[in-house]
Structure formats: C-alpha cells, structure tokens
Amino acid sequence: MFLVGLVVPTVLGFVITLLISPQIKFWECLALSYGLGFAFLTLAMFFLNVVGIKFSLLNTLILVGGIFFVLLGYLIKKNWTAGFSLRKIQLFRRIKEAVGSLSIFEKIIVSLLCFFIFSNIVIGVYWPVYWSDALTVYDFRARLLARTLFFPQAASLNIEYPGAVFSYPPMTSLVHTWLYLWGWANPKIFYPLLLISLATIFYYSLKDYSPRYHCLIFTLILVTVPHLFSHATCAYTNFPFTFYFSVASLYLYRWMTQEKRGFLVLAGIFLGLSSWVRYESEIFFSGYLAILVVFSLSRKRYFAPFLFALLYFAIQPLWKIYFQHVLHLGISPGITSRISTSMDMSGNLLDFMRWKEVMLFLWEWVGYFQVAFAMLILASLLYVDRLRKHRFLFLMIALNLILFVIATYIYSLTASGWNSSGTGGSVRRLFIMFLPIIWYFIALITAEPKLLNSHSVSTDVLPRSKS
C-alpha cells in the first residue's frame, strides 16, 4: 500500500509533463514525472493549508485526483492522447531492445550504473534520518506536520525556535510528511529515486548531441561524483535543490539549441521549484535571465524572458509570503535581503583584503572539487574550437561561479563568523548545484559531433497520434 505514496505523485507528474512537452521521450518523461509530481504534490498540500483545509491523505488525494482528471481531460480534448495506451508503451519490449542494442563496453557501463544506483538506494533506505539539520529542521518539521496536517497548528506547538524550524521552504518536509502518511518508516527513499531521475534526464539531455557510449560514460561519472552520491542518501535539501536547479539549467540550454517551447517552460518551472526547496536560486535566476535576454534578442524571441520570469515568480515568493504574513514568524532569510543589507555597507564592496579572504576561503572549501575544475579548464582549452558552439552554456557556468563568489562576499559583509568551518561546510554542500552542469558542458564539448535531427523518429518517444 505504501507504494501508492510514490505512484500518485509520479502519475500526476506524468500528465503534467505530457501537457508541457508531449513530444518528449518516454524514459525522460518518466524521470521528469517523478520530480515534477512530488513538487506539485507538495504545492497542492500547501494550498490546502492556504485555504484553511488540512492536508490529510483524503483531502490531498481529492485535490490531486481532481487536478489529474482535469489535465487528462484537456489532453484528450486536444487529441494528444490519441493512440496512447499502456499496452503501446510496451515497457518490457523497450527494455529488451535497448539492452540488446548495447555493445559489450556499453553493457559494462550500464552494469556499473545499476550497481551504484542500487547501492545508493540500499544506503539511503537502510540508514534512518540522522544528519543534524535533518533531525532538527527538515524531518523534525515533517513529523510535526504529519501530526497536525496544518502549518499554523504545527508552528504554534511548544517547540524551541519555531522561526528557525519553519523559515526554510517546505518542499522536502512535505515530501517526508506525505510518505509518513502512507506508512513509510524512512522517507529517504525519495532521494535515491531523485538521483535516478537526474541521471536519466542528464543522459537524454546529452543523447541528441553525443554518441550513446559517450552519454553513458558521463552519466556514470555524474552518478559516482562523491558529494552527489552521498547527498542522495541523506535528508538534506542540497541534493533536491541541485536536482531542480540543474534540470532547469539543462532545459534552458536545450531550449537555446532547439527552441522547443516546452523546454523553456520546463526550465522556468524547475528553477521556480528550486526556490521551493531552498532560497539560493534568487541570485542565479538574475544571471540566467540576463543570458536569456541576450539570446532572445539575438534570435528575436522577445517573449521568452517574460515567460521564463513569469514561471519562476509564480512559485518563488510563495513561502516567504506565507511565512511572514500567515505564520507571523518574522522575515524569511534570502540572498535578496542580504543584498539590500549590504547596500548599507557599500563602502566595503571595494575592500580588496576582504575579497582576498573570501577567495581563499572559497578555495579552501570548494577546491575540494578540483577534478571538476581541472576537467572544465582542460576541456575548454583542448576543444577551444568547439567553445563557440556551446558558448551560452559556458556563459551560464561562468556567470553562476561569479555570482556564487559575489553571494559569498555579500554574506561575509552581513554575517559574523562567516569564515567558520560550519559556513565552509555549507558552502561546499551548496556548490554541488553546479556539478551536473559542469559535467554536462565537459561531456558536450568533448563529444564526437552528432547531427541533431529534430524530425527523426525515436523508439523512445511516447506514442501519439498522426495529425
């Protein structure tokens, strides 16, 4: 019965994905469905509380079921589901054909992928929630919500520092709550399955540009990156944030290369959902928006930045408004509030000694990822002739790293003890948000060129009507 807790969000996400991008490949659609489904499920639970209704299993299922059937009805009306059936997906035939077409080398890579992913699931499910912040904030909040089913009631309980407990965006806590309500003793199953989704989306984001063996190699690299692997087994928000942020980045770049509107919609939604997990997306959104404006002006796609921003801001301010005006627990922290505070200290913005301290601090803690840095620089130098082709992706990475440094500098101006080991650990954990994008760029620039044929028919594409 507890498996229903995983199936319901995925089915909801599947219909949403079909609505946004009906031409997407089946396995990629399934991977998107998991991340989108759980995100929109938690938004549905949140909005039940907004209108004063508890998010019990029955209430949530009624709302989610209503949304599902409305979207399904719309898909049927648009004739996007004509010719589609579970029988036509022929799941086992697809798996058999895919495995049979692999070379020996590719089968070895796939076997390693399966081993590491299975290991990740076992580790994640075997060990209970035990990391400190998860015990005192994210999972603790989930257990309160599972008891009360109502944010204001949970926040009014006799607990220490309710402002700190409820200040963070609630997505992962609501996921834990949902799984607890379905009888899961350990909600950490959510995180390894998210790793599988990220690996699948990463693979298909490469597949149109790179040979299959190349895609598999770099997908294996992604899955075995130590910090990504370990965080996919714990109940911190860093890996879910990495998932939504990096998937948004991948689809934003894929929209730039293919200009399929569904990819732009996915990019805006996923970046907005990253703010439903953590606040740190705000400053990086401004960088992506600037790049998107430059690109859109050059391609005369003037509406694209507005659509991207609209989708992002449809989600981004929700928890801040609720926390401040409904829970009345203060003002939620965020990079924008720190920027406004730092404006009052503008005289320190040109403090070169402080800049030096910040750079040394970052290298001490982020230099841990020196392999990724070295490969990024080496690949850019060795394949400099291909750099222009992927210049917007390179610009996205470069601007992200610059904004990361600026955000750290602003934090150093507004927080005492900013260079402590505790802050260093937080910085290192946050930096994993860039690793999938960096490895994606390295994979693209080192790949043997492959012609992108948007009109080719793939056996992985979801069945749809001939209209």
Protein backbone atom coordinates (compact mmCIF):
# COMPACT_ATOMS: atom_id res chain seq x y z
CA MET A 1 0.00 0.00 0.00
CA PHE A 2 2.85 2.38 0.82
CA LEU A 3 4.00 2.21 -2.83
CA VAL A 4 0.95 4.30 -3.67
CA GLY A 5 2.80 7.18 -1.99
CA LEU A 6 5.37 7.03 -4.78
CA VAL A 7 2.99 6.22 -7.64
CA VAL A 8 0.44 9.01 -7.09
CA PRO A 9 2.92 11.91 -7.47
CA THR A 10 4.61 10.23 -10.45
CA VAL A 11 1.30 9.75 -12.29
CA LEU A 12 0.41 13.39 -11.62
CA GLY A 13 3.82 14.46 -12.90
CA PHE A 14 3.44 12.27 -15.98
CA VAL A 15 0.29 14.09 -17.08
CA ILE A 16 1.87 17.49 -16.35
CA THR A 17 4.94 16.55 -18.40
CA LEU A 18 2.77 15.41 -21.32
CA LEU A 19 0.92 18.71 -21.14
CA ILE A 20 4.12 20.78 -21.21
CA SER A 21 6.14 18.77 -23.72
CA PRO A 22 4.15 15.97 -25.41
CA GLN A 23 7.00 15.10 -27.81
CA ILE A 24 9.40 14.15 -25.04
CA LYS A 25 10.94 10.66 -24.91
CA PHE A 26 9.30 8.08 -22.66
CA TRP A 27 12.11 7.47 -20.13
CA GLU A 28 12.91 11.15 -19.91
CA CYS A 29 9.22 11.83 -19.38
CA LEU A 30 9.13 9.30 -16.55
CA ALA A 31 12.17 10.91 -14.89
CA LEU A 32 10.61 14.36 -15.18
CA SER A 33 7.34 12.98 -13.83
CA TYR A 34 8.93 11.97 -10.54
CA GLY A 35 10.46 15.37 -9.82
CA LEU A 36 7.54 17.41 -11.12
CA GLY A 37 4.96 15.17 -9.48
CA PHE A 38 6.37 15.42 -5.97
CA ALA A 39 6.90 19.16 -6.34
CA PHE A 40 3.34 19.83 -7.46
CA LEU A 41 2.00 17.42 -4.85
CA THR A 42 3.66 19.46 -2.10
CA LEU A 43 2.32 22.66 -3.66
CA ALA A 44 -1.16 21.12 -3.57
CA MET A 45 -0.70 20.25 0.12
CA PHE A 46 0.46 23.80 0.77
CA PHE A 47 -2.52 25.39 -0.99
CA LEU A 48 -4.92 23.21 1.00
CA ASN A 49 -3.50 24.89 4.11
CA VAL A 50 -3.70 28.30 2.48
CA VAL A 51 -7.48 27.93 2.17
CA GLY A 52 -7.73 26.51 5.69
CA ILE A 53 -8.01 22.79 4.91
CA LYS A 54 -5.78 20.15 6.46
CA PHE A 55 -3.71 18.11 4.01
CA SER A 56 -4.91 14.69 5.18
CA LEU A 57 -4.47 11.82 2.75
CA LEU A 58 -8.13 12.03 1.72
CA ASN A 59 -8.12 15.79 1.16
CA THR A 60 -4.84 15.67 -0.75
CA LEU A 61 -5.96 12.74 -2.91
CA ILE A 62 -9.22 14.51 -3.78
CA LEU A 63 -7.36 17.66 -4.84
CA VAL A 64 -4.59 15.81 -6.71
CA GLY A 65 -7.15 13.50 -8.33
CA GLY A 66 -9.19 16.49 -9.45
CA ILE A 67 -6.12 18.14 -10.98
CA PHE A 68 -5.15 14.87 -12.67
CA PHE A 69 -8.53 14.31 -14.32
CA VAL A 70 -8.83 17.94 -15.42
CA LEU A 71 -5.42 17.77 -17.10
CA LEU A 72 -6.17 14.36 -18.57
CA GLY A 73 -9.45 15.67 -19.95
CA TYR A 74 -7.62 18.58 -21.54
CA LEU A 75 -5.09 16.23 -23.13
CA ILE A 76 -7.88 14.07 -24.51
CA LYS A 77 -9.71 17.14 -25.85
CA LYS A 78 -6.55 18.26 -27.63
CA ASN A 79 -6.24 14.73 -29.04
CA TRP A 80 -2.72 14.44 -27.56
CA THR A 81 -3.54 11.05 -26.07
CA ALA A 82 -4.95 9.52 -29.26
CA GLY A 83 -3.23 6.22 -29.93
CA PHE A 84 -1.66 6.29 -26.47
CA SER A 85 -2.13 3.34 -24.14
CA LEU A 86 -0.11 1.46 -21.57
CA ARG A 87 -0.02 -1.50 -23.94
CA LYS A 88 1.57 0.62 -26.66
CA ILE A 89 4.34 1.69 -24.34
CA GLN A 90 5.44 -1.98 -24.26
CA LEU A 91 7.83 -1.39 -21.40
CA PHE A 92 9.49 -4.80 -21.31
CA ARG A 93 9.94 -4.87 -25.09
CA ARG A 94 11.61 -1.46 -24.94
CA ILE A 95 13.98 -2.60 -22.19
CA LYS A 96 14.82 -5.80 -24.08
CA GLU A 97 15.51 -3.90 -27.32
CA ALA A 98 17.60 -1.28 -25.54
CA VAL A 99 19.75 -3.87 -23.75
CA GLY A 100 20.13 -5.95 -26.91
CA SER A 101 21.41 -2.97 -28.89
CA LEU A 102 24.22 -2.21 -26.41
CA SER A 103 27.82 -3.07 -27.17
CA ILE A 104 29.85 -5.03 -24.61
CA PHE A 105 31.53 -1.82 -23.44
CA GLU A 106 28.16 -0.09 -23.04
CA LYS A 107 26.75 -3.08 -21.14
CA ILE A 108 29.65 -2.82 -18.68
CA ILE A 109 28.89 0.87 -18.11
CA VAL A 110 25.17 0.17 -17.68
CA SER A 111 26.01 -2.60 -15.20
CA LEU A 112 28.15 -0.19 -13.19
CA LEU A 113 25.37 2.39 -13.29
CA CYS A 114 22.88 -0.17 -11.99
CA PHE A 115 25.32 -1.22 -9.24
CA PHE A 116 25.92 2.32 -7.98
CA ILE A 117 22.25 3.29 -8.18
CA PHE A 118 21.17 0.13 -6.36
CA SER A 119 23.86 0.79 -3.73
CA ASN A 120 22.58 4.32 -3.32
CA ILE A 121 19.03 3.07 -2.76
CA VAL A 122 20.19 0.47 -0.21
CA ILE A 123 22.28 3.00 1.72
CA GLY A 124 19.53 5.61 1.65
CA VAL A 125 16.79 3.26 2.83
CA TYR A 126 18.88 1.28 5.33
CA TRP A 127 20.11 4.26 7.37
CA PRO A 128 17.46 6.38 9.09
CA VAL A 129 17.44 10.17 9.07
CA TYR A 130 20.46 11.08 11.19
CA TRP A 131 22.22 14.21 9.89
CA SER A 132 21.90 17.09 12.34
CA ASP A 133 19.96 19.67 10.29
CA ALA A 134 17.61 16.99 9.00
CA LEU A 135 16.84 15.85 12.56
CA THR A 136 16.35 19.35 13.93
CA VAL A 137 14.70 21.08 10.95
CA TYR A 138 13.59 19.24 7.81
CA ASP A 139 12.47 15.86 9.14
CA PHE A 140 11.51 17.33 12.52
CA ARG A 141 9.16 19.74 10.75
CA ALA A 142 7.76 16.84 8.71
CA ARG A 143 6.91 14.89 11.86
CA LEU A 144 5.12 17.92 13.29
CA LEU A 145 3.16 18.29 10.07
CA ALA A 146 2.29 14.60 9.99
CA ARG A 147 0.72 15.06 13.43
CA THR A 148 -1.12 18.30 12.77
CA LEU A 149 -1.61 18.36 8.95
CA PHE A 150 -1.66 22.15 9.24
CA PHE A 151 1.22 24.63 9.16
CA PRO A 152 -0.21 27.22 11.62
CA GLN A 153 -1.01 24.49 14.15
CA ALA A 154 2.44 22.90 13.78
CA ALA A 155 4.15 26.29 14.17
CA SER A 156 2.15 27.03 17.32
CA LEU A 157 3.34 23.89 19.12
CA ASN A 158 5.63 24.28 22.10
CA ILE A 159 8.96 23.88 20.30
CA GLU A 160 12.20 25.83 20.52
CA TYR A 161 12.98 28.36 17.81
CA PRO A 162 9.88 27.88 15.63
CA GLY A 163 11.08 30.72 13.41
CA ALA A 164 14.23 28.78 12.55
CA VAL A 165 12.39 25.49 12.07
CA PHE A 166 9.79 26.93 9.70
CA SER A 167 11.86 29.57 7.91
CA TYR A 168 13.13 27.25 5.17
CA PRO A 169 10.96 26.44 2.12
CA PRO A 170 8.88 23.36 2.95
CA MET A 171 9.12 21.03 -0.03
CA THR A 172 11.31 18.26 1.41
CA SER A 173 9.44 18.37 4.71
CA LEU A 174 6.12 17.98 2.88
CA VAL A 175 7.55 15.04 0.91
CA HIS A 176 8.54 13.39 4.19
CA THR A 177 5.08 14.14 5.60
CA TRP A 178 3.38 12.58 2.57
CA LEU A 179 5.48 9.42 2.83
CA TYR A 180 4.91 9.18 6.60
CA LEU A 181 1.16 9.40 6.00
CA TRP A 182 1.42 6.46 3.60
CA GLY A 183 3.21 4.34 6.19
CA TRP A 184 6.85 4.78 5.20
CA ALA A 185 9.11 4.45 8.23
CA ASN A 186 12.00 6.01 6.34
CA PRO A 187 11.17 8.82 3.87
CA LYS A 188 14.70 8.85 2.46
CA ILE A 189 13.58 6.65 -0.45
CA PHE A 190 12.68 9.95 -2.12
CA TYR A 191 16.32 10.99 -2.58
CA PRO A 192 17.87 7.95 -4.37
CA LEU A 193 14.92 7.91 -6.79
CA LEU A 194 15.63 11.57 -7.44
CA LEU A 195 19.21 10.59 -8.33
CA ILE A 196 17.85 8.10 -10.88
CA SER A 197 15.69 10.87 -12.35
CA LEU A 198 18.65 13.24 -12.57
CA ALA A 199 20.82 10.59 -14.25
CA THR A 200 18.07 9.83 -16.79
CA ILE A 201 17.45 13.49 -17.65
CA PHE A 202 21.21 14.09 -17.88
CA TYR A 203 21.57 11.14 -20.28
CA TYR A 204 18.75 12.27 -22.55
CA SER A 205 20.00 15.85 -22.47
CA LEU A 206 23.24 14.52 -23.97
CA LYS A 207 21.73 11.97 -26.32
CA ASP A 208 20.78 14.41 -29.09
CA TYR A 209 24.34 15.74 -29.26
CA SER A 210 26.60 12.81 -28.38
CA PRO A 211 27.13 9.11 -29.20
CA ARG A 212 25.45 6.69 -26.80
CA TYR A 213 28.65 5.36 -25.24
CA HIS A 214 29.74 8.94 -24.52
CA CYS A 215 26.42 9.71 -22.84
CA LEU A 216 26.67 6.58 -20.71
CA ILE A 217 30.23 7.33 -19.61
CA PHE A 218 29.38 10.82 -18.40
CA THR A 219 26.14 9.67 -16.78
CA LEU A 220 28.24 7.17 -14.81
CA ILE A 221 30.63 9.98 -13.84
CA LEU A 222 27.68 12.07 -12.66
CA VAL A 223 26.22 9.28 -10.52
CA THR A 224 29.57 8.50 -8.89
CA VAL A 225 30.55 12.08 -8.02
CA PRO A 226 31.14 11.55 -4.26
CA HIS A 227 29.21 14.55 -2.95
CA LEU A 228 26.24 13.95 -5.25
CA PHE A 229 26.18 10.26 -4.37
CA SER A 230 26.37 10.84 -0.62
CA HIS A 231 23.80 13.63 -0.56
CA ALA A 232 21.36 11.44 -2.47
CA THR A 233 21.35 9.14 0.57
CA CYS A 234 20.64 11.78 3.21
CA ALA A 235 17.70 14.00 4.06
CA TYR A 236 19.31 17.39 3.44
CA THR A 237 17.88 19.88 0.96
CA ASN A 238 21.11 20.24 -1.02
CA PHE A 239 20.55 17.37 -3.42
CA PRO A 240 16.88 18.14 -4.19
CA PHE A 241 17.93 21.76 -4.77
CA THR A 242 20.71 20.52 -7.06
CA PHE A 243 18.20 18.39 -8.96
CA TYR A 244 15.73 21.19 -9.66
CA PHE A 245 18.39 23.82 -10.34
CA SER A 246 20.49 21.67 -12.67
CA VAL A 247 17.48 20.30 -14.56
CA ALA A 248 16.31 23.89 -15.08
CA SER A 249 19.77 24.74 -16.44
CA LEU A 250 19.83 21.75 -18.80
CA TYR A 251 16.42 22.55 -20.26
CA LEU A 252 17.21 26.23 -20.58
CA TYR A 253 20.26 25.39 -22.66
CA ARG A 254 18.35 22.78 -24.66
CA TRP A 255 15.76 25.43 -25.46
CA MET A 256 18.54 27.68 -26.72
CA THR A 257 19.77 24.95 -29.08
CA GLN A 258 16.42 23.51 -30.19
CA GLU A 259 13.93 26.31 -29.38
CA LYS A 260 11.15 23.94 -28.35
CA ARG A 261 8.81 25.95 -26.17
CA GLY A 262 8.23 23.04 -23.78
CA PHE A 263 11.89 23.11 -22.81
CA LEU A 264 11.68 26.81 -21.86
CA VAL A 265 8.54 26.12 -19.80
CA LEU A 266 10.30 23.25 -18.01
CA ALA A 267 13.32 25.49 -17.33
CA GLY A 268 11.18 28.21 -15.75
CA ILE A 269 9.14 25.75 -13.68
CA PHE A 270 12.14 23.80 -12.43
CA LEU A 271 14.04 26.94 -11.46
CA GLY A 272 10.96 28.14 -9.61
CA LEU A 273 10.71 24.76 -7.88
CA SER A 274 14.33 25.03 -6.77
CA SER A 275 13.20 28.03 -4.69
CA TRP A 276 10.52 25.77 -3.20
CA VAL A 277 13.43 23.74 -1.78
CA ARG A 278 15.96 26.45 -0.87
CA TYR A 279 16.20 30.24 -1.22
CA GLU A 280 19.55 30.39 -3.02
CA SER A 281 18.13 30.36 -6.55
CA GLU A 282 17.29 34.07 -6.46
CA ILE A 283 20.66 35.49 -7.46
CA PHE A 284 21.27 32.80 -10.08
CA PHE A 285 17.88 33.48 -11.64
CA SER A 286 19.04 37.02 -12.36
CA GLY A 287 22.08 35.64 -14.18
CA TYR A 288 20.02 33.22 -16.26
CA LEU A 289 17.53 35.94 -17.09
CA ALA A 290 20.34 38.22 -18.31
CA ILE A 291 21.71 35.44 -20.55
CA LEU A 292 18.23 34.65 -21.81
CA VAL A 293 17.58 38.29 -22.69
CA VAL A 294 20.81 38.46 -24.72
CA PHE A 295 19.99 35.20 -26.50
CA SER A 296 16.36 36.12 -27.14
CA LEU A 297 17.25 39.49 -28.61
CA SER A 298 19.73 37.83 -30.98
CA ARG A 299 17.07 35.30 -32.10
CA LYS A 300 14.11 37.70 -31.97
CA ARG A 301 12.34 35.57 -29.38
CA TYR A 302 11.26 38.58 -27.34
CA PHE A 303 8.57 36.85 -25.28
CA ALA A 304 10.87 34.13 -23.92
CA PRO A 305 12.39 36.10 -20.97
CA PHE A 306 8.93 37.17 -19.82
CA LEU A 307 7.61 33.59 -19.89
CA PHE A 308 10.70 32.34 -18.04
CA ALA A 309 10.39 35.04 -15.36
CA LEU A 310 6.62 34.55 -15.02
CA LEU A 311 7.01 30.83 -14.36
CA TYR A 312 9.79 31.43 -11.85
CA PHE A 313 7.95 34.12 -9.88
CA ALA A 314 4.75 32.08 -9.85
CA ILE A 315 6.49 29.83 -7.30
CA GLN A 316 9.44 31.73 -5.82
CA PRO A 317 7.67 34.11 -3.35
CA LEU A 318 5.05 31.68 -2.05
CA TRP A 319 6.74 30.51 1.14
CA LYS A 320 8.18 33.92 2.05
CA ILE A 321 4.72 35.48 1.90
CA TYR A 322 3.13 32.65 3.87
CA PHE A 323 5.91 32.57 6.49
CA GLN A 324 5.73 36.31 7.09
CA HIS A 325 2.02 37.07 6.76
CA VAL A 326 0.34 33.83 7.88
CA LEU A 327 2.73 32.20 10.32
CA HIS A 328 3.97 35.59 11.58
CA LEU A 329 7.36 34.17 12.50
CA GLY A 330 9.47 37.01 11.10
CA ILE A 331 11.06 37.62 7.72
CA SER A 332 12.44 34.67 5.80
CA PRO A 333 16.17 34.87 5.09
CA GLY A 334 17.31 35.10 1.49
CA ILE A 335 20.03 36.48 -0.72
CA THR A 336 17.92 39.47 -1.76
CA SER A 337 17.54 40.59 1.86
CA ARG A 338 21.30 40.25 2.34
CA ILE A 339 21.92 42.29 -0.83
CA SER A 340 19.71 45.10 0.46
CA THR A 341 21.54 44.98 3.79
CA SER A 342 24.91 45.07 2.06
CA MET A 343 23.88 48.20 0.17
CA ASP A 344 24.06 50.00 3.50
CA MET A 345 27.67 48.79 3.69
CA SER A 346 28.53 49.76 0.12
CA GLY A 347 31.81 51.26 1.26
CA ASN A 348 33.07 47.73 1.90
CA LEU A 349 32.32 46.47 -1.62
CA LEU A 350 35.78 47.55 -2.76
CA ASP A 351 37.58 46.09 0.23
CA PHE A 352 40.26 44.15 -1.63
CA MET A 353 41.53 42.46 1.51
CA ARG A 354 38.06 41.11 2.18
CA TRP A 355 37.81 39.90 -1.43
CA LYS A 356 41.09 38.09 -0.95
CA GLU A 357 39.85 36.48 2.27
CA VAL A 358 36.67 35.37 0.52
CA MET A 359 38.58 33.84 -2.42
CA LEU A 360 40.95 31.97 -0.10
CA PHE A 361 38.00 30.78 1.98
CA LEU A 362 36.19 29.52 -1.12
CA TRP A 363 39.25 27.74 -2.44
CA GLU A 364 39.75 26.05 0.92
CA TRP A 365 36.23 24.61 0.86
CA VAL A 366 35.24 24.50 -2.82
CA GLY A 367 38.70 23.48 -4.03
CA TYR A 368 37.61 20.02 -2.92
CA PHE A 369 36.02 19.77 -6.39
CA GLN A 370 39.33 20.41 -8.13
CA VAL A 371 38.83 17.45 -10.51
CA ALA A 372 35.72 19.07 -11.96
CA PHE A 373 37.51 22.44 -12.17
CA ALA A 374 40.55 20.91 -13.82
CA MET A 375 38.45 18.99 -16.35
CA LEU A 376 36.43 22.10 -17.13
CA ILE A 377 39.55 24.16 -17.84
CA LEU A 378 41.33 21.36 -19.69
CA ALA A 379 38.34 20.55 -21.90
CA SER A 380 37.84 24.23 -22.72
CA LEU A 381 41.49 24.59 -23.75
CA LEU A 382 41.74 21.35 -25.73
CA TYR A 383 38.46 21.92 -27.56
CA VAL A 384 38.57 25.67 -27.81
CA ASP A 385 37.33 25.42 -31.41
CA ARG A 386 34.04 23.98 -30.08
CA LEU A 387 33.68 26.57 -27.36
CA ARG A 388 31.80 28.99 -29.58
CA LYS A 389 29.17 26.36 -30.38
CA HIS A 390 28.40 25.92 -26.67
CA ARG A 391 29.20 29.48 -25.65
CA PHE A 392 25.87 30.09 -23.91
CA LEU A 393 26.28 27.02 -21.72
CA PHE A 394 29.84 28.11 -20.91
CA LEU A 395 28.49 31.58 -20.11
CA MET A 396 25.87 30.05 -17.80
CA ILE A 397 28.57 28.19 -15.87
CA ALA A 398 30.92 31.17 -15.72
CA LEU A 399 28.19 33.54 -14.57
CA ASN A 400 27.00 31.05 -11.94
CA LEU A 401 30.50 30.81 -10.49
CA ILE A 402 30.91 34.60 -10.49
CA LEU A 403 27.55 35.07 -8.76
CA PHE A 404 28.49 32.36 -6.26
CA VAL A 405 31.60 34.35 -5.33
CA ILE A 406 29.60 37.60 -5.11
CA ALA A 407 26.94 35.97 -2.92
CA THR A 408 29.65 34.65 -0.59
CA TYR A 409 31.21 38.11 -0.39
CA ILE A 410 27.83 39.66 0.46
CA TYR A 411 27.35 37.02 3.14
CA SER A 412 30.75 37.89 4.59
CA LEU A 413 29.60 41.52 4.99
CA THR A 414 26.36 40.65 6.75
CA ALA A 415 27.22 37.67 8.97
CA SER A 416 29.63 37.41 11.83
CA GLY A 417 31.77 34.29 11.83
CA TRP A 418 31.22 33.94 8.09
CA ASN A 419 34.52 32.12 7.60
CA SER A 420 33.89 29.40 10.16
CA SER A 421 34.13 25.70 9.36
CA GLY A 422 30.35 25.46 9.66
CA THR A 423 29.89 28.03 6.90
CA GLY A 424 32.59 26.30 4.87
CA GLY A 425 30.69 23.03 5.04
CA SER A 426 27.51 24.79 3.94
CA VAL A 427 29.31 26.40 1.02
CA ARG A 428 30.73 23.06 -0.09
CA ARG A 429 27.32 21.39 0.13
CA LEU A 430 25.70 24.20 -1.82
CA PHE A 431 28.33 24.09 -4.56
CA ILE A 432 27.17 20.66 -5.71
CA MET A 433 24.34 22.50 -7.52
CA PHE A 434 26.87 23.33 -10.28
CA LEU A 435 28.41 19.88 -10.73
CA PRO A 436 25.80 18.40 -13.12
CA ILE A 437 26.02 21.50 -15.34
CA ILE A 438 29.83 21.46 -15.35
CA TRP A 439 29.97 17.77 -16.28
CA TYR A 440 27.27 18.33 -18.90
CA PHE A 441 29.41 21.01 -20.54
CA ILE A 442 32.50 18.80 -20.43
CA ALA A 443 30.52 15.94 -21.99
CA LEU A 444 29.18 18.15 -24.78
CA ILE A 445 32.45 19.79 -25.69
CA THR A 446 34.41 16.51 -25.73
CA ALA A 447 31.82 14.52 -27.68
CA GLU A 448 32.18 13.47 -31.27
CA PRO A 449 29.88 15.79 -33.24
CA LYS A 450 26.45 14.32 -33.87
CA LEU A 451 23.92 15.91 -36.19
CA LEU A 452 20.74 16.91 -34.36
CA ASN A 453 17.72 15.82 -36.35
CA SER A 454 14.60 17.11 -34.70
CA HIS A 455 12.44 15.30 -37.27
CA SER A 456 13.86 11.85 -36.65
CA VAL A 457 11.60 9.28 -35.04
CA SER A 458 12.92 7.57 -31.92
CA THR A 459 11.57 4.39 -30.44
CA ASP A 460 11.81 6.15 -27.09
CA VAL A 461 9.22 8.79 -27.99
CA LEU A 462 5.85 8.47 -26.35
CA PRO A 463 3.18 7.13 -28.71
CA ARG A 464 1.00 9.90 -30.09
CA SER A 465 -1.40 10.49 -32.91
CA LYS A 466 -0.54 11.20 -36.52
CA SER A 467 -2.09 14.55 -37.06
